[in-house]
Amino acid sequence: MTPDSLRDLLLSFAGAVETFPFGPETSVFKVGGKMFALSRLAEPSLRVSLKCEPEVAEALRDEHAAVIPGYHLNKRHWNTVILDGTLSDEAVKEMIEDSYDLVVTR
């Protein structure tokens, strides 16, 4: 997954917008004013932080080395996903969709 394809995917969800509340280097993706993803798209190591149910967050971390506790976020509710090719694009898309759904339903 490339930075452009990640941005396109994140913005493909209904009502999703890209904002920059933490400065120009960190893209924050929101729906209904609430954050569901953030990423430093220009970094050499592409990562995306996603909201997650606590039990699912732990299970994903246990199952995948590329899923770690959310960087500078509440580690109970956020995972950071390292997009190094070890996870399929479909798996990443499912995690993004789950994050979006969590925010939309609350």
PDB file of N, CA and C in Angstrom:
ATOM      1  N   MET A   1       0.848  -1.170   0.000  1.00  0.00           N
ATOM      2  CA  MET A   1       0.000   0.000   0.000  1.00  0.00           C
ATOM      3  C   MET A   1       0.898   1.240   0.000  1.00  0.00           C
ATOM      4  N   THR A   2       0.536   2.194  -0.806  1.00  0.00           N
ATOM      5  CA  THR A   2       1.292   3.439  -0.907  1.00  0.00           C
ATOM      6  C   THR A   2       0.597   4.529  -0.083  1.00  0.00           C
ATOM      7  N   PRO A   3       1.307   5.613   0.202  1.00  0.00           N
ATOM      8  CA  PRO A   3       0.659   6.723   0.899  1.00  0.00           C
ATOM      9  C   PRO A   3      -0.592   7.234   0.162  1.00  0.00           C
ATOM     10  N   ASP A   4      -0.518   7.334  -1.156  1.00  0.00           N
ATOM     11  CA  ASP A   4      -1.670   7.819  -1.924  1.00  0.00           C
ATOM     12  C   ASP A   4      -2.840   6.846  -1.859  1.00  0.00           C
ATOM     13  N   SER A   5      -2.550   5.544  -1.959  1.00  0.00           N
ATOM     14  CA  SER A   5      -3.651   4.575  -1.906  1.00  0.00           C
ATOM     15  C   SER A   5      -4.251   4.519  -0.500  1.00  0.00           C
ATOM     16  N   LEU A   6      -3.427   4.705   0.530  1.00  0.00           N
ATOM     17  CA  LEU A   6      -3.947   4.746   1.895  1.00  0.00           C
ATOM     18  C   LEU A   6      -4.858   5.962   2.062  1.00  0.00           C
ATOM     19  N   ARG A   7      -4.404   7.131   1.632  1.00  0.00           N
ATOM     20  CA  ARG A   7      -5.223   8.348   1.726  1.00  0.00           C
ATOM     21  C   ARG A   7      -6.543   8.153   0.970  1.00  0.00           C
ATOM     22  N   ASP A   8      -6.464   7.624  -0.245  1.00  0.00           N
ATOM     23  CA  ASP A   8      -7.679   7.408  -1.038  1.00  0.00           C
ATOM     24  C   ASP A   8      -8.639   6.466  -0.327  1.00  0.00           C
ATOM     25  N   LEU A   9      -8.116   5.411   0.253  1.00  0.00           N
ATOM     26  CA  LEU A   9      -8.956   4.455   0.974  1.00  0.00           C
ATOM     27  C   LEU A   9      -9.627   5.123   2.172  1.00  0.00           C
ATOM     28  N   LEU A  10      -8.856   5.855   2.959  1.00  0.00           N
ATOM     29  CA  LEU A  10      -9.403   6.511   4.140  1.00  0.00           C
ATOM     30  C   LEU A  10     -10.475   7.534   3.780  1.00  0.00           C
ATOM     31  N   LEU A  11     -10.303   8.219   2.664  1.00  0.00           N
ATOM     32  CA  LEU A  11     -11.269   9.221   2.244  1.00  0.00           C
ATOM     33  C   LEU A  11     -12.457   8.636   1.475  1.00  0.00           C
ATOM     34  N   SER A  12     -12.404   7.324   1.191  1.00  0.00           N
ATOM     35  CA  SER A  12     -13.495   6.685   0.435  1.00  0.00           C
ATOM     36  C   SER A  12     -14.723   6.416   1.302  1.00  0.00           C
ATOM     37  N   PHE A  13     -14.589   6.528   2.607  1.00  0.00           N
ATOM     38  CA  PHE A  13     -15.716   6.276   3.504  1.00  0.00           C
ATOM     39  C   PHE A  13     -16.614   7.517   3.573  1.00  0.00           C
ATOM     40  N   ALA A  14     -17.912   7.284   3.643  1.00  0.00           N
ATOM     41  CA  ALA A  14     -18.892   8.372   3.638  1.00  0.00           C
ATOM     42  C   ALA A  14     -18.601   9.382   4.751  1.00  0.00           C
ATOM     43  N   GLY A  15     -18.486  10.640   4.373  1.00  0.00           N
ATOM     44  CA  GLY A  15     -18.281  11.714   5.337  1.00  0.00           C
ATOM     45  C   GLY A  15     -16.868  11.870   5.849  1.00  0.00           C
ATOM     46  N   ALA A  16     -15.930  11.054   5.376  1.00  0.00           N
ATOM     47  CA  ALA A  16     -14.544  11.129   5.854  1.00  0.00           C
ATOM     48  C   ALA A  16     -13.858  12.377   5.309  1.00  0.00           C
ATOM     49  N   VAL A  17     -13.113  13.036   6.192  1.00  0.00           N
ATOM     50  CA  VAL A  17     -12.335  14.215   5.811  1.00  0.00           C
ATOM     51  C   VAL A  17     -10.930  14.097   6.382  1.00  0.00           C
ATOM     52  N   GLU A  18      -9.986  14.742   5.714  1.00  0.00           N
ATOM     53  CA  GLU A  18      -8.598  14.784   6.175  1.00  0.00           C
ATOM     54  C   GLU A  18      -8.357  16.146   6.808  1.00  0.00           C
ATOM     55  N   THR A  19      -7.834  16.130   8.032  1.00  0.00           N
ATOM     56  CA  THR A  19      -7.536  17.370   8.742  1.00  0.00           C
ATOM     57  C   THR A  19      -6.096  17.324   9.238  1.00  0.00           C
ATOM     58  N   PHE A  20      -5.601  18.458   9.747  1.00  0.00           N
ATOM     59  CA  PHE A  20      -4.213  18.558  10.188  1.00  0.00           C
ATOM     60  C   PHE A  20      -4.110  19.267  11.540  1.00  0.00           C
ATOM     61  N   PRO A  21      -4.804  18.785  12.575  1.00  0.00           N
ATOM     62  CA  PRO A  21      -4.775  19.473  13.873  1.00  0.00           C
ATOM     63  C   PRO A  21      -3.435  19.384  14.600  1.00  0.00           C
ATOM     64  N   PHE A  22      -2.591  18.439  14.218  1.00  0.00           N
ATOM     65  CA  PHE A  22      -1.299  18.251  14.888  1.00  0.00           C
ATOM     66  C   PHE A  22      -0.138  18.772  14.049  1.00  0.00           C
ATOM     67  N   GLY A  23      -0.434  19.532  13.013  1.00  0.00           N
ATOM     68  CA  GLY A  23       0.594  20.062  12.127  1.00  0.00           C
ATOM     69  C   GLY A  23       0.496  19.440  10.750  1.00  0.00           C
ATOM     70  N   PRO A  24       1.223  20.015   9.786  1.00  0.00           N
ATOM     71  CA  PRO A  24       1.084  19.605   8.385  1.00  0.00           C
ATOM     72  C   PRO A  24       1.611  18.204   8.071  1.00  0.00           C
ATOM     73  N   GLU A  25       2.403  17.625   8.954  1.00  0.00           N
ATOM     74  CA  GLU A  25       2.978  16.308   8.655  1.00  0.00           C
ATOM     75  C   GLU A  25       2.100  15.146   9.092  1.00  0.00           C
ATOM     76  N   THR A  26       1.057  15.396   9.889  1.00  0.00           N
ATOM     77  CA  THR A  26       0.206  14.317  10.379  1.00  0.00           C
ATOM     78  C   THR A  26      -1.207  14.485   9.860  1.00  0.00           C
ATOM     79  N   SER A  27      -1.619  13.558   8.999  1.00  0.00           N
ATOM     80  CA  SER A  27      -2.983  13.556   8.478  1.00  0.00           C
ATOM     81  C   SER A  27      -3.889  12.861   9.487  1.00  0.00           C
ATOM     82  N   VAL A  28      -4.958  13.549   9.869  1.00  0.00           N
ATOM     83  CA  VAL A  28      -5.947  12.992  10.785  1.00  0.00           C
ATOM     84  C   VAL A  28      -7.249  12.859  10.006  1.00  0.00           C
ATOM     85  N   PHE A  29      -7.768  11.636   9.962  1.00  0.00           N
ATOM     86  CA  PHE A  29      -8.987  11.365   9.216  1.00  0.00           C
ATOM     87  C   PHE A  29     -10.140  11.253  10.197  1.00  0.00           C
ATOM     88  N   LYS A  30     -11.171  12.044   9.916  1.00  0.00           N
ATOM     89  CA  LYS A  30     -12.312  12.135  10.828  1.00  0.00           C
ATOM     90  C   LYS A  30     -13.613  11.876  10.078  1.00  0.00           C
ATOM     91  N   VAL A  31     -14.604  11.461  10.853  1.00  0.00           N
ATOM     92  CA  VAL A  31     -15.973  11.386  10.365  1.00  0.00           C
ATOM     93  C   VAL A  31     -16.854  11.930  11.486  1.00  0.00           C
ATOM     94  N   GLY A  32     -17.758  12.828  11.135  1.00  0.00           N
ATOM     95  CA  GLY A  32     -18.601  13.437  12.155  1.00  0.00           C
ATOM     96  C   GLY A  32     -17.811  14.161  13.229  1.00  0.00           C
ATOM     97  N   GLY A  33     -16.635  14.692  12.869  1.00  0.00           N
ATOM     98  CA  GLY A  33     -15.799  15.413  13.818  1.00  0.00           C
ATOM     99  C   GLY A  33     -14.970  14.535  14.729  1.00  0.00           C
ATOM    100  N   LYS A  34     -15.051  13.212  14.558  1.00  0.00           N
ATOM    101  CA  LYS A  34     -14.299  12.286  15.417  1.00  0.00           C
ATOM    102  C   LYS A  34     -13.239  11.542  14.608  1.00  0.00           C
ATOM    103  N   MET A  35     -12.078  11.405  15.212  1.00  0.00           N
ATOM    104  CA  MET A  35     -10.939  10.758  14.555  1.00  0.00           C
ATOM    105  C   MET A  35     -11.135   9.248  14.462  1.00  0.00           C
ATOM    106  N   PHE A  36     -10.885   8.696  13.258  1.00  0.00           N
ATOM    107  CA  PHE A  36     -10.878   7.242  13.102  1.00  0.00           C
ATOM    108  C   PHE A  36      -9.547   6.724  12.578  1.00  0.00           C
ATOM    109  N   ALA A  37      -8.670   7.616  12.123  1.00  0.00           N
ATOM    110  CA  ALA A  37      -7.352   7.182  11.647  1.00  0.00           C
ATOM    111  C   ALA A  37      -6.409   8.378  11.625  1.00  0.00           C
ATOM    112  N   LEU A  38      -5.120   8.085  11.792  1.00  0.00           N
ATOM    113  CA  LEU A  38      -4.110   9.115  11.579  1.00  0.00           C
ATOM    114  C   LEU A  38      -2.847   8.472  11.053  1.00  0.00           C
ATOM    115  N   SER A  39      -2.131   9.258  10.242  1.00  0.00           N
ATOM    116  CA  SER A  39      -0.930   8.734   9.610  1.00  0.00           C
ATOM    117  C   SER A  39      -0.016   9.881   9.211  1.00  0.00           C
ATOM    118  N   ARG A  40       1.284   9.605   9.282  1.00  0.00           N
ATOM    119  CA  ARG A  40       2.281  10.535   8.725  1.00  0.00           C
ATOM    120  C   ARG A  40       2.619   9.968   7.346  1.00  0.00           C
ATOM    121  N   LEU A  41       1.874  10.392   6.360  1.00  0.00           N
ATOM    122  CA  LEU A  41       1.935   9.801   5.027  1.00  0.00           C
ATOM    123  C   LEU A  41       3.277   9.994   4.327  1.00  0.00           C
ATOM    124  N   ALA A  42       4.053  10.978   4.720  1.00  0.00           N
ATOM    125  CA  ALA A  42       5.335  11.240   4.056  1.00  0.00           C
ATOM    126  C   ALA A  42       6.504  10.490   4.699  1.00  0.00           C
ATOM    127  N   GLU A  43       6.256   9.804   5.800  1.00  0.00           N
ATOM    128  CA  GLU A  43       7.334   9.072   6.478  1.00  0.00           C
ATOM    129  C   GLU A  43       7.779   7.870   5.645  1.00  0.00           C
ATOM    130  N   PRO A  44       9.064   7.490   5.705  1.00  0.00           N
ATOM    131  CA  PRO A  44       9.546   6.336   4.942  1.00  0.00           C
ATOM    132  C   PRO A  44       8.901   5.016   5.397  1.00  0.00           C
ATOM    133  N   SER A  45       8.596   4.905   6.669  1.00  0.00           N
ATOM    134  CA  SER A  45       7.917   3.715   7.186  1.00  0.00           C
ATOM    135  C   SER A  45       6.436   4.058   7.333  1.00  0.00           C
ATOM    136  N   LEU A  46       5.630   3.646   6.353  1.00  0.00           N
ATOM    137  CA  LEU A  46       4.208   3.996   6.338  1.00  0.00           C
ATOM    138  C   LEU A  46       3.466   3.232   7.429  1.00  0.00           C
ATOM    139  N   ARG A  47       2.727   3.984   8.237  1.00  0.00           N
ATOM    140  CA  ARG A  47       1.938   3.432   9.334  1.00  0.00           C
ATOM    141  C   ARG A  47       0.621   4.168   9.388  1.00  0.00           C
ATOM    142  N   VAL A  48      -0.380   3.495   9.965  1.00  0.00           N
ATOM    143  CA  VAL A  48      -1.662   4.141  10.206  1.00  0.00           C
ATOM    144  C   VAL A  48      -2.163   3.701  11.572  1.00  0.00           C
ATOM    145  N   SER A  49      -2.634   4.644  12.354  1.00  0.00           N
ATOM    146  CA  SER A  49      -3.198   4.336  13.666  1.00  0.00           C
ATOM    147  C   SER A  49      -4.710   4.307  13.538  1.00  0.00           C
ATOM    148  N   LEU A  50      -5.306   3.254  14.135  1.00  0.00           N
ATOM    149  CA  LEU A  50      -6.730   3.007  13.974  1.00  0.00           C
ATOM    150  C   LEU A  50      -7.382   2.688  15.305  1.00  0.00           C
ATOM    151  N   LYS A  51      -8.603   3.147  15.464  1.00  0.00           N
ATOM    152  CA  LYS A  51      -9.397   2.856  16.655  1.00  0.00           C
ATOM    153  C   LYS A  51      -9.834   1.387  16.599  1.00  0.00           C
ATOM    154  N   CYS A  52      -9.947   0.766  17.773  1.00  0.00           N
ATOM    155  CA  CYS A  52     -10.258  -0.658  17.809  1.00  0.00           C
ATOM    156  C   CYS A  52     -10.889  -1.015  19.148  1.00  0.00           C
ATOM    157  N   GLU A  53     -11.796  -1.988  19.137  1.00  0.00           N
ATOM    158  CA  GLU A  53     -12.330  -2.510  20.394  1.00  0.00           C
ATOM    159  C   GLU A  53     -11.160  -3.095  21.187  1.00  0.00           C
ATOM    160  N   PRO A  54     -11.089  -2.877  22.491  1.00  0.00           N
ATOM    161  CA  PRO A  54      -9.933  -3.315  23.277  1.00  0.00           C
ATOM    162  C   PRO A  54      -9.569  -4.800  23.124  1.00  0.00           C
ATOM    163  N   GLU A  55     -10.557  -5.676  23.141  1.00  0.00           N
ATOM    164  CA  GLU A  55     -10.254  -7.114  23.033  1.00  0.00           C
ATOM    165  C   GLU A  55      -9.707  -7.459  21.648  1.00  0.00           C
ATOM    166  N   VAL A  56     -10.275  -6.833  20.635  1.00  0.00           N
ATOM    167  CA  VAL A  56      -9.825  -7.066  19.269  1.00  0.00           C
ATOM    168  C   VAL A  56      -8.428  -6.482  19.078  1.00  0.00           C
ATOM    169  N   ALA A  57      -8.184  -5.313  19.670  1.00  0.00           N
ATOM    170  CA  ALA A  57      -6.868  -4.674  19.558  1.00  0.00           C
ATOM    171  C   ALA A  57      -5.771  -5.600  20.073  1.00  0.00           C
ATOM    172  N   GLU A  58      -5.994  -6.191  21.225  1.00  0.00           N
ATOM    173  CA  GLU A  58      -5.005  -7.114  21.803  1.00  0.00           C
ATOM    174  C   GLU A  58      -4.829  -8.349  20.938  1.00  0.00           C
ATOM    175  N   ALA A  59      -5.927  -8.897  20.434  1.00  0.00           N
ATOM    176  CA  ALA A  59      -5.844 -10.093  19.590  1.00  0.00           C
ATOM    177  C   ALA A  59      -5.055  -9.806  18.316  1.00  0.00           C
ATOM    178  N   LEU A  60      -5.282  -8.656  17.701  1.00  0.00           N
ATOM    179  CA  LEU A  60      -4.544  -8.302  16.485  1.00  0.00           C
ATOM    180  C   LEU A  60      -3.061  -8.141  16.776  1.00  0.00           C
ATOM    181  N   ARG A  61      -2.735  -7.552  17.916  1.00  0.00           N
ATOM    182  CA  ARG A  61      -1.315  -7.400  18.297  1.00  0.00           C
ATOM    183  C   ARG A  61      -0.655  -8.754  18.507  1.00  0.00           C
ATOM    184  N   ASP A  62      -1.383  -9.676  19.126  1.00  0.00           N
ATOM    185  CA  ASP A  62      -0.842 -11.012  19.368  1.00  0.00           C
ATOM    186  C   ASP A  62      -0.643 -11.782  18.068  1.00  0.00           C
ATOM    187  N   GLU A  63      -1.526 -11.527  17.104  1.00  0.00           N
ATOM    188  CA  GLU A  63      -1.523 -12.282  15.853  1.00  0.00           C
ATOM    189  C   GLU A  63      -0.554 -11.736  14.802  1.00  0.00           C
ATOM    190  N   HIS A  64      -0.312 -10.427  14.827  1.00  0.00           N
ATOM    191  CA  HIS A  64       0.472  -9.784  13.761  1.00  0.00           C
ATOM    192  C   HIS A  64       1.579  -8.905  14.344  1.00  0.00           C
ATOM    193  N   ALA A  65       2.807  -9.160  13.956  1.00  0.00           N
ATOM    194  CA  ALA A  65       3.933  -8.336  14.412  1.00  0.00           C
ATOM    195  C   ALA A  65       3.811  -6.897  13.910  1.00  0.00           C
ATOM    196  N   ALA A  66       3.086  -6.688  12.811  1.00  0.00           N
ATOM    197  CA  ALA A  66       2.949  -5.356  12.229  1.00  0.00           C
ATOM    198  C   ALA A  66       1.851  -4.526  12.905  1.00  0.00           C
ATOM    199  N   VAL A  67       1.207  -5.089  13.920  1.00  0.00           N
ATOM    200  CA  VAL A  67       0.186  -4.358  14.667  1.00  0.00           C
ATOM    201  C   VAL A  67       0.712  -4.149  16.081  1.00  0.00           C
ATOM    202  N   ILE A  68       0.877  -2.889  16.448  1.00  0.00           N
ATOM    203  CA  ILE A  68       1.456  -2.544  17.748  1.00  0.00           C
ATOM    204  C   ILE A  68       0.511  -1.580  18.478  1.00  0.00           C
ATOM    205  N   PRO A  69       0.706  -1.402  19.779  1.00  0.00           N
ATOM    206  CA  PRO A  69      -0.144  -0.440  20.503  1.00  0.00           C
ATOM    207  C   PRO A  69      -0.050   0.950  19.860  1.00  0.00           C
ATOM    208  N   GLY A  70      -1.150   1.678  19.882  1.00  0.00           N
ATOM    209  CA  GLY A  70      -1.221   2.992  19.254  1.00  0.00           C
ATOM    210  C   GLY A  70      -0.121   3.928  19.721  1.00  0.00           C
ATOM    211  N   TYR A  71       0.603   4.493  18.785  1.00  0.00           N
ATOM    212  CA  TYR A  71       1.696   5.396  19.071  1.00  0.00           C
ATOM    213  C   TYR A  71       1.124   6.738  19.523  1.00  0.00           C
ATOM    214  N   HIS A  72       1.463   7.170  20.720  1.00  0.00           N
ATOM    215  CA  HIS A  72       0.984   8.428  21.317  1.00  0.00           C
ATOM    216  C   HIS A  72      -0.539   8.493  21.422  1.00  0.00           C
ATOM    217  N   LEU A  73      -1.173   7.336  21.582  1.00  0.00           N
ATOM    218  CA  LEU A  73      -2.628   7.260  21.699  1.00  0.00           C
ATOM    219  C   LEU A  73      -2.986   6.338  22.854  1.00  0.00           C
ATOM    220  N   ASN A  74      -4.248   6.303  23.223  1.00  0.00           N
ATOM    221  CA  ASN A  74      -4.718   5.387  24.255  1.00  0.00           C
ATOM    222  C   ASN A  74      -4.503   3.956  23.756  1.00  0.00           C
ATOM    223  N   LYS A  75      -3.568   3.270  24.343  1.00  0.00           N
ATOM    224  CA  LYS A  75      -3.162   1.955  23.856  1.00  0.00           C
ATOM    225  C   LYS A  75      -4.236   0.885  24.040  1.00  0.00           C
ATOM    226  N   ARG A  76      -5.221   1.169  24.864  1.00  0.00           N
ATOM    227  CA  ARG A  76      -6.335   0.237  25.037  1.00  0.00           C
ATOM    228  C   ARG A  76      -7.275   0.273  23.832  1.00  0.00           C
ATOM    229  N   HIS A  77      -7.398   1.439  23.197  1.00  0.00           N
ATOM    230  CA  HIS A  77      -8.384   1.620  22.136  1.00  0.00           C
ATOM    231  C   HIS A  77      -7.796   1.891  20.747  1.00  0.00           C
ATOM    232  N   TRP A  78      -6.473   1.970  20.646  1.00  0.00           N
ATOM    233  CA  TRP A  78      -5.842   2.296  19.371  1.00  0.00           C
ATOM    234  C   TRP A  78      -4.692   1.349  19.058  1.00  0.00           C
ATOM    235  N   ASN A  79      -4.601   0.947  17.804  1.00  0.00           N
ATOM    236  CA  ASN A  79      -3.467   0.188  17.287  1.00  0.00           C
ATOM    237  C   ASN A  79      -2.780   1.013  16.207  1.00  0.00           C
ATOM    238  N   THR A  80      -1.481   0.847  16.101  1.00  0.00           N
ATOM    239  CA  THR A  80      -0.743   1.376  14.962  1.00  0.00           C
ATOM    240  C   THR A  80      -0.377   0.197  14.084  1.00  0.00           C
ATOM    241  N   VAL A  81      -0.716   0.305  12.805  1.00  0.00           N
ATOM    242  CA  VAL A  81      -0.482  -0.765  11.842  1.00  0.00           C
ATOM    243  C   VAL A  81       0.670  -0.343  10.946  1.00  0.00           C
ATOM    244  N   ILE A  82       1.722  -1.147  10.946  1.00  0.00           N
ATOM    245  CA  ILE A  82       2.899  -0.888  10.110  1.00  0.00           C
ATOM    246  C   ILE A  82       2.623  -1.493   8.736  1.00  0.00           C
ATOM    247  N   LEU A  83       2.622  -0.646   7.730  1.00  0.00           N
ATOM    248  CA  LEU A  83       2.284  -1.094   6.371  1.00  0.00           C
ATOM    249  C   LEU A  83       3.556  -1.479   5.627  1.00  0.00           C
ATOM    250  N   ASP A  84       4.111  -2.613   6.044  1.00  0.00           N
ATOM    251  CA  ASP A  84       5.379  -3.088   5.480  1.00  0.00           C
ATOM    252  C   ASP A  84       5.199  -4.257   4.519  1.00  0.00           C
ATOM    253  N   GLY A  85       3.943  -4.561   4.178  1.00  0.00           N
ATOM    254  CA  GLY A  85       3.667  -5.650   3.239  1.00  0.00           C
ATOM    255  C   GLY A  85       3.381  -6.979   3.904  1.00  0.00           C
ATOM    256  N   THR A  86       3.562  -7.087   5.221  1.00  0.00           N
ATOM    257  CA  THR A  86       3.303  -8.367   5.885  1.00  0.00           C
ATOM    258  C   THR A  86       1.807  -8.614   6.087  1.00  0.00           C
ATOM    259  N   LEU A  87       1.010  -7.549   6.071  1.00  0.00           N
ATOM    260  CA  LEU A  87      -0.451  -7.681   6.123  1.00  0.00           C
ATOM    261  C   LEU A  87      -1.007  -7.402   4.730  1.00  0.00           C
ATOM    262  N   SER A  88      -2.011  -8.158   4.339  1.00  0.00           N
ATOM    263  CA  SER A  88      -2.614  -7.918   3.031  1.00  0.00           C
ATOM    264  C   SER A  88      -3.360  -6.586   3.036  1.00  0.00           C
ATOM    265  N   ASP A  89      -3.499  -6.002   1.862  1.00  0.00           N
ATOM    266  CA  ASP A  89      -4.266  -4.764   1.753  1.00  0.00           C
ATOM    267  C   ASP A  89      -5.689  -4.992   2.242  1.00  0.00           C
ATOM    268  N   GLU A  90      -6.239  -6.171   1.996  1.00  0.00           N
ATOM    269  CA  GLU A  90      -7.601  -6.486   2.435  1.00  0.00           C
ATOM    270  C   GLU A  90      -7.697  -6.490   3.961  1.00  0.00           C
ATOM    271  N   ALA A  91      -6.690  -7.051   4.634  1.00  0.00           N
ATOM    272  CA  ALA A  91      -6.693  -7.053   6.102  1.00  0.00           C
ATOM    273  C   ALA A  91      -6.627  -5.630   6.641  1.00  0.00           C
ATOM    274  N   VAL A  92      -5.799  -4.791   6.030  1.00  0.00           N
ATOM    275  CA  VAL A  92      -5.682  -3.394   6.448  1.00  0.00           C
ATOM    276  C   VAL A  92      -7.001  -2.673   6.199  1.00  0.00           C
ATOM    277  N   LYS A  93      -7.613  -2.930   5.056  1.00  0.00           N
ATOM    278  CA  LYS A  93      -8.899  -2.304   4.740  1.00  0.00           C
ATOM    279  C   LYS A  93      -9.952  -2.690   5.782  1.00  0.00           C
ATOM    280  N   GLU A  94      -9.974  -3.944   6.199  1.00  0.00           N
ATOM    281  CA  GLU A  94     -10.930  -4.386   7.216  1.00  0.00           C
ATOM    282  C   GLU A  94     -10.703  -3.668   8.542  1.00  0.00           C
ATOM    283  N   MET A  95      -9.442  -3.482   8.933  1.00  0.00           N
ATOM    284  CA  MET A  95      -9.140  -2.761  10.172  1.00  0.00           C
ATOM    285  C   MET A  95      -9.587  -1.307  10.077  1.00  0.00           C
ATOM    286  N   ILE A  96      -9.370  -0.689   8.912  1.00  0.00           N
ATOM    287  CA  ILE A  96      -9.794   0.695   8.708  1.00  0.00           C
ATOM    288  C   ILE A  96     -11.318   0.783   8.772  1.00  0.00           C
ATOM    289  N   GLU A  97     -11.987  -0.132   8.119  1.00  0.00           N
ATOM    290  CA  GLU A  97     -13.455  -0.139   8.132  1.00  0.00           C
ATOM    291  C   GLU A  97     -13.994  -0.324   9.552  1.00  0.00           C
ATOM    292  N   ASP A  98     -13.357  -1.209  10.324  1.00  0.00           N
ATOM    293  CA  ASP A  98     -13.777  -1.407  11.720  1.00  0.00           C
ATOM    294  C   ASP A  98     -13.602  -0.116  12.526  1.00  0.00           C
ATOM    295  N   SER A  99     -12.490   0.588  12.309  1.00  0.00           N
ATOM    296  CA  SER A  99     -12.240   1.842  13.014  1.00  0.00           C
ATOM    297  C   SER A  99     -13.302   2.883  12.650  1.00  0.00           C
ATOM    298  N   TYR A 100     -13.560   3.009  11.381  1.00  0.00           N
ATOM    299  CA  TYR A 100     -14.580   3.943  10.894  1.00  0.00           C
ATOM    300  C   TYR A 100     -15.942   3.610  11.520  1.00  0.00           C
ATOM    301  N   ASP A 101     -16.317   2.329  11.474  1.00  0.00           N
ATOM    302  CA  ASP A 101     -17.609   1.896  12.014  1.00  0.00           C
ATOM    303  C   ASP A 101     -17.722   2.197  13.523  1.00  0.00           C
ATOM    304  N   LEU A 102     -16.636   2.004  14.257  1.00  0.00           N
ATOM    305  CA  LEU A 102     -16.651   2.303  15.699  1.00  0.00           C
ATOM    306  C   LEU A 102     -16.978   3.769  15.961  1.00  0.00           C
ATOM    307  N   VAL A 103     -16.403   4.635  15.161  1.00  0.00           N
ATOM    308  CA  VAL A 103     -16.608   6.077  15.340  1.00  0.00           C
ATOM    309  C   VAL A 103     -18.013   6.486  14.893  1.00  0.00           C
ATOM    310  N   VAL A 104     -18.480   5.941  13.777  1.00  0.00           N
ATOM    311  CA  VAL A 104     -19.788   6.310  13.237  1.00  0.00           C
ATOM    312  C   VAL A 104     -20.920   5.852  14.154  1.00  0.00           C
ATOM    313  N   THR A 105     -20.764   4.702  14.793  1.00  0.00           N
ATOM    314  CA  THR A 105     -21.857   4.146  15.599  1.00  0.00           C
ATOM    315  C   THR A 105     -21.905   4.725  16.996  1.00  0.00           C
ATOM    316  N   ARG A 106     -20.955   5.559  17.381  1.00  0.00           N
ATOM    317  CA  ARG A 106     -20.948   6.131  18.735  1.00  0.00           C
ATOM    318  C   ARG A 106     -21.359   7.559  18.745  1.00  0.00           C
TER     319      ARG A 106
END
